[in-house]
Amino acid sequence: MDAIIIISNLQSFNPMSETPKYDLRGANIANFADTVQGDQKAVQHNYATPQNLAEAAQEIQQLISQITQTYPTNTEIEKQTFVAQVDAEIKKNSRLRSILITGGIELIKVLCPPLGIPIEMGKKWLETDNLSE
């Protein structure tokens, strides 16, 4: 008899009597609080999709040719403007920055194989350090 009463009560129980204030469907949020009392911390990791080296090189080449068309490199001033524009694009585009860093690290490992192990150790140390913050 008690079980029937509990089931009956569960069916009539409505935990959300109000409509929600926030529509977070499709949001990229791990923690959310309307009113925070005390401290609340959240860590959000945005991982880029893995990309092979050929695709990365092609993307960099397209960017350079695009900038070359906009900023010709015939004179010294034009070359300086081109370099400044590439630098600004790298600072603005986090994906491009990641590609260049990864490509640079791989180049160092190819040119000097003994550095491969310390580089990987440093990468893992930085990853674990970033996770603990």
C-alpha atoms as a PDB file:
ATOM      1  CA  MET A   1       0.000   0.000   0.000  1.00  0.00           C
ATOM      2  CA  ASP A   2       2.853   2.408   0.794  1.00  0.00           C
ATOM      3  CA  ALA A   3       4.490   1.803  -2.599  1.00  0.00           C
ATOM      4  CA  ILE A   4       1.328   2.758  -4.429  1.00  0.00           C
ATOM      5  CA  ILE A   5       1.122   6.020  -2.499  1.00  0.00           C
ATOM      6  CA  ILE A   6       4.758   6.879  -3.280  1.00  0.00           C
ATOM      7  CA  ILE A   7       4.335   6.203  -6.991  1.00  0.00           C
ATOM      8  CA  SER A   8       1.150   8.222  -7.024  1.00  0.00           C
ATOM      9  CA  ASN A   9       2.929  11.108  -5.283  1.00  0.00           C
ATOM     10  CA  LEU A  10       5.882  10.945  -7.708  1.00  0.00           C
ATOM     11  CA  GLN A  11       3.570  11.299 -10.680  1.00  0.00           C
ATOM     12  CA  SER A  12       1.967  14.412  -9.262  1.00  0.00           C
ATOM     13  CA  PHE A  13       5.297  15.941  -8.154  1.00  0.00           C
ATOM     14  CA  ASN A  14       6.435  18.801 -10.427  1.00  0.00           C
ATOM     15  CA  PRO A  15       9.975  19.981  -9.519  1.00  0.00           C
ATOM     16  CA  MET A  16       9.967  22.922 -11.976  1.00  0.00           C
ATOM     17  CA  SER A  17       6.811  24.870 -11.365  1.00  0.00           C
ATOM     18  CA  GLU A  18       8.309  27.993 -12.975  1.00  0.00           C
ATOM     19  CA  THR A  19       9.689  28.376 -16.451  1.00  0.00           C
ATOM     20  CA  PRO A  20      13.503  28.653 -16.398  1.00  0.00           C
ATOM     21  CA  LYS A  21      15.083  32.108 -16.629  1.00  0.00           C
ATOM     22  CA  TYR A  22      17.923  30.994 -18.871  1.00  0.00           C
ATOM     23  CA  ASP A  23      17.878  28.904 -22.031  1.00  0.00           C
ATOM     24  CA  LEU A  24      21.245  27.136 -22.106  1.00  0.00           C
ATOM     25  CA  ARG A  25      20.527  24.583 -24.816  1.00  0.00           C
ATOM     26  CA  GLY A  26      23.660  24.212 -26.906  1.00  0.00           C
ATOM     27  CA  ALA A  27      25.680  26.344 -24.487  1.00  0.00           C
ATOM     28  CA  ASN A  28      29.309  25.553 -23.819  1.00  0.00           C
ATOM     29  CA  ILE A  29      29.089  26.050 -20.043  1.00  0.00           C
ATOM     30  CA  ALA A  30      30.082  23.564 -17.361  1.00  0.00           C
ATOM     31  CA  ASN A  31      28.981  25.482 -14.245  1.00  0.00           C
ATOM     32  CA  PHE A  32      26.236  28.034 -13.908  1.00  0.00           C
ATOM     33  CA  ALA A  33      24.768  29.797 -10.902  1.00  0.00           C
ATOM     34  CA  ASP A  34      22.169  32.537 -10.765  1.00  0.00           C
ATOM     35  CA  THR A  35      23.291  33.831  -7.367  1.00  0.00           C
ATOM     36  CA  VAL A  36      26.721  32.882  -6.034  1.00  0.00           C
ATOM     37  CA  GLN A  37      27.328  33.029  -2.320  1.00  0.00           C
ATOM     38  CA  GLY A  38      30.991  32.468  -1.590  1.00  0.00           C
ATOM     39  CA  ASP A  39      33.480  31.497  -4.282  1.00  0.00           C
ATOM     40  CA  GLN A  40      32.704  29.609  -7.443  1.00  0.00           C
ATOM     41  CA  LYS A  41      35.371  28.667  -9.950  1.00  0.00           C
ATOM     42  CA  ALA A  42      35.008  27.030 -13.326  1.00  0.00           C
ATOM     43  CA  VAL A  43      37.541  25.821 -15.876  1.00  0.00           C
ATOM     44  CA  GLN A  44      36.624  25.622 -19.532  1.00  0.00           C
ATOM     45  CA  HIS A  45      38.849  23.732 -21.957  1.00  0.00           C
ATOM     46  CA  ASN A  46      38.430  24.369 -25.665  1.00  0.00           C
ATOM     47  CA  TYR A  47      40.360  21.768 -27.577  1.00  0.00           C
ATOM     48  CA  ALA A  48      40.975  22.239 -31.270  1.00  0.00           C
ATOM     49  CA  THR A  49      40.160  19.343 -33.522  1.00  0.00           C
ATOM     50  CA  PRO A  50      43.238  17.360 -34.512  1.00  0.00           C
ATOM     51  CA  GLN A  51      44.633  18.355 -37.886  1.00  0.00           C
ATOM     52  CA  ASN A  52      47.234  16.628 -39.975  1.00  0.00           C
ATOM     53  CA  LEU A  53      50.400  18.417 -41.007  1.00  0.00           C
ATOM     54  CA  ALA A  54      49.414  18.731 -44.680  1.00  0.00           C
ATOM     55  CA  GLU A  55      46.141  20.499 -43.821  1.00  0.00           C
ATOM     56  CA  ALA A  56      47.946  22.833 -41.427  1.00  0.00           C
ATOM     57  CA  ALA A  57      50.599  23.691 -44.026  1.00  0.00           C
ATOM     58  CA  GLN A  58      47.901  24.341 -46.623  1.00  0.00           C
ATOM     59  CA  GLU A  59      46.015  26.652 -44.246  1.00  0.00           C
ATOM     60  CA  ILE A  60      49.189  28.623 -43.485  1.00  0.00           C
ATOM     61  CA  GLN A  61      50.046  28.851 -47.195  1.00  0.00           C
ATOM     62  CA  GLN A  62      46.552  30.169 -47.999  1.00  0.00           C
ATOM     63  CA  LEU A  63      46.853  32.805 -45.294  1.00  0.00           C
ATOM     64  CA  ILE A  64      50.267  33.939 -46.540  1.00  0.00           C
ATOM     65  CA  SER A  65      49.082  34.162 -50.158  1.00  0.00           C
ATOM     66  CA  GLN A  66      46.011  36.106 -49.025  1.00  0.00           C
ATOM     67  CA  ILE A  67      48.146  38.589 -47.097  1.00  0.00           C
ATOM     68  CA  THR A  68      50.664  38.799 -49.989  1.00  0.00           C
ATOM     69  CA  GLN A  69      47.884  39.872 -52.363  1.00  0.00           C
ATOM     70  CA  THR A  70      46.707  42.552 -49.944  1.00  0.00           C
ATOM     71  CA  TYR A  71      50.195  43.684 -48.902  1.00  0.00           C
ATOM     72  CA  PRO A  72      52.779  43.421 -51.740  1.00  0.00           C
ATOM     73  CA  THR A  73      56.441  42.927 -50.793  1.00  0.00           C
ATOM     74  CA  ASN A  74      58.374  44.877 -53.443  1.00  0.00           C
ATOM     75  CA  THR A  75      59.971  47.528 -51.220  1.00  0.00           C
ATOM     76  CA  GLU A  76      61.478  47.355 -47.744  1.00  0.00           C
ATOM     77  CA  ILE A  77      58.526  49.227 -46.209  1.00  0.00           C
ATOM     78  CA  GLU A  78      56.068  46.843 -47.878  1.00  0.00           C
ATOM     79  CA  LYS A  79      58.026  43.881 -46.487  1.00  0.00           C
ATOM     80  CA  GLN A  80      57.879  45.352 -42.987  1.00  0.00           C
ATOM     81  CA  THR A  81      54.140  45.959 -43.370  1.00  0.00           C
ATOM     82  CA  PHE A  82      53.700  42.361 -44.555  1.00  0.00           C
ATOM     83  CA  VAL A  83      55.593  40.969 -41.556  1.00  0.00           C
ATOM     84  CA  ALA A  84      53.590  43.165 -39.185  1.00  0.00           C
ATOM     85  CA  GLN A  85      50.333  41.977 -40.770  1.00  0.00           C
ATOM     86  CA  VAL A  86      51.349  38.299 -40.490  1.00  0.00           C
ATOM     87  CA  ASP A  87      52.312  38.880 -36.853  1.00  0.00           C
ATOM     88  CA  ALA A  88      48.951  40.535 -36.155  1.00  0.00           C
ATOM     89  CA  GLU A  89      47.103  37.653 -37.831  1.00  0.00           C
ATOM     90  CA  ILE A  90      49.006  35.081 -35.744  1.00  0.00           C
ATOM     91  CA  LYS A  91      48.207  36.971 -32.529  1.00  0.00           C
ATOM     92  CA  LYS A  92      44.536  37.259 -33.497  1.00  0.00           C
ATOM     93  CA  ASN A  93      44.010  33.674 -34.713  1.00  0.00           C
ATOM     94  CA  SER A  94      44.535  31.180 -31.874  1.00  0.00           C
ATOM     95  CA  ARG A  95      44.152  28.199 -34.203  1.00  0.00           C
ATOM     96  CA  LEU A  96      46.893  29.478 -36.497  1.00  0.00           C
ATOM     97  CA  ARG A  97      49.107  30.161 -33.478  1.00  0.00           C
ATOM     98  CA  SER A  98      48.561  26.590 -32.282  1.00  0.00           C
ATOM     99  CA  ILE A  99      49.410  25.206 -35.733  1.00  0.00           C
ATOM    100  CA  LEU A 100      52.635  27.216 -35.911  1.00  0.00           C
ATOM    101  CA  ILE A 101      53.685  26.207 -32.403  1.00  0.00           C
ATOM    102  CA  THR A 102      53.021  22.538 -33.109  1.00  0.00           C
ATOM    103  CA  GLY A 103      54.801  22.717 -36.460  1.00  0.00           C
ATOM    104  CA  GLY A 104      57.773  24.496 -34.890  1.00  0.00           C
ATOM    105  CA  ILE A 105      58.053  21.910 -32.142  1.00  0.00           C
ATOM    106  CA  GLU A 106      57.892  19.072 -34.671  1.00  0.00           C
ATOM    107  CA  LEU A 107      60.566  20.783 -36.783  1.00  0.00           C
ATOM    108  CA  ILE A 108      62.896  21.028 -33.779  1.00  0.00           C
ATOM    109  CA  LYS A 109      62.315  17.339 -32.998  1.00  0.00           C
ATOM    110  CA  VAL A 110      63.194  16.408 -36.614  1.00  0.00           C
ATOM    111  CA  LEU A 111      66.293  18.629 -36.792  1.00  0.00           C
ATOM    112  CA  CYS A 112      67.581  17.593 -33.365  1.00  0.00           C
ATOM    113  CA  PRO A 113      66.155  14.180 -32.351  1.00  0.00           C
ATOM    114  CA  PRO A 114      67.751  14.135 -28.857  1.00  0.00           C
ATOM    115  CA  LEU A 115      65.534  17.104 -27.911  1.00  0.00           C
ATOM    116  CA  GLY A 116      62.353  15.113 -28.607  1.00  0.00           C
ATOM    117  CA  ILE A 117      62.119  13.556 -25.128  1.00  0.00           C
ATOM    118  CA  PRO A 118      62.660  16.781 -23.121  1.00  0.00           C
ATOM    119  CA  ILE A 119      60.168  18.592 -25.366  1.00  0.00           C
ATOM    120  CA  GLU A 120      57.490  15.960 -24.721  1.00  0.00           C
ATOM    121  CA  MET A 121      58.242  16.049 -20.990  1.00  0.00           C
ATOM    122  CA  GLY A 122      57.845  19.829 -20.989  1.00  0.00           C
ATOM    123  CA  LYS A 123      54.552  19.618 -22.900  1.00  0.00           C
ATOM    124  CA  LYS A 124      53.116  17.105 -20.415  1.00  0.00           C
ATOM    125  CA  TRP A 125      54.329  19.189 -17.478  1.00  0.00           C
ATOM    126  CA  LEU A 126      52.599  22.292 -18.896  1.00  0.00           C
ATOM    127  CA  GLU A 127      49.383  20.342 -19.559  1.00  0.00           C
ATOM    128  CA  THR A 128      49.225  18.984 -16.008  1.00  0.00           C
ATOM    129  CA  ASP A 129      50.141  22.383 -14.573  1.00  0.00           C
ATOM    130  CA  ASN A 130      47.308  24.038 -16.527  1.00  0.00           C
ATOM    131  CA  LEU A 131      44.834  21.405 -15.313  1.00  0.00           C
ATOM    132  CA  SER A 132      45.753  21.957 -11.657  1.00  0.00           C
ATOM    133  CA  GLU A 133      45.128  25.738 -11.801  1.00  0.00           C
END
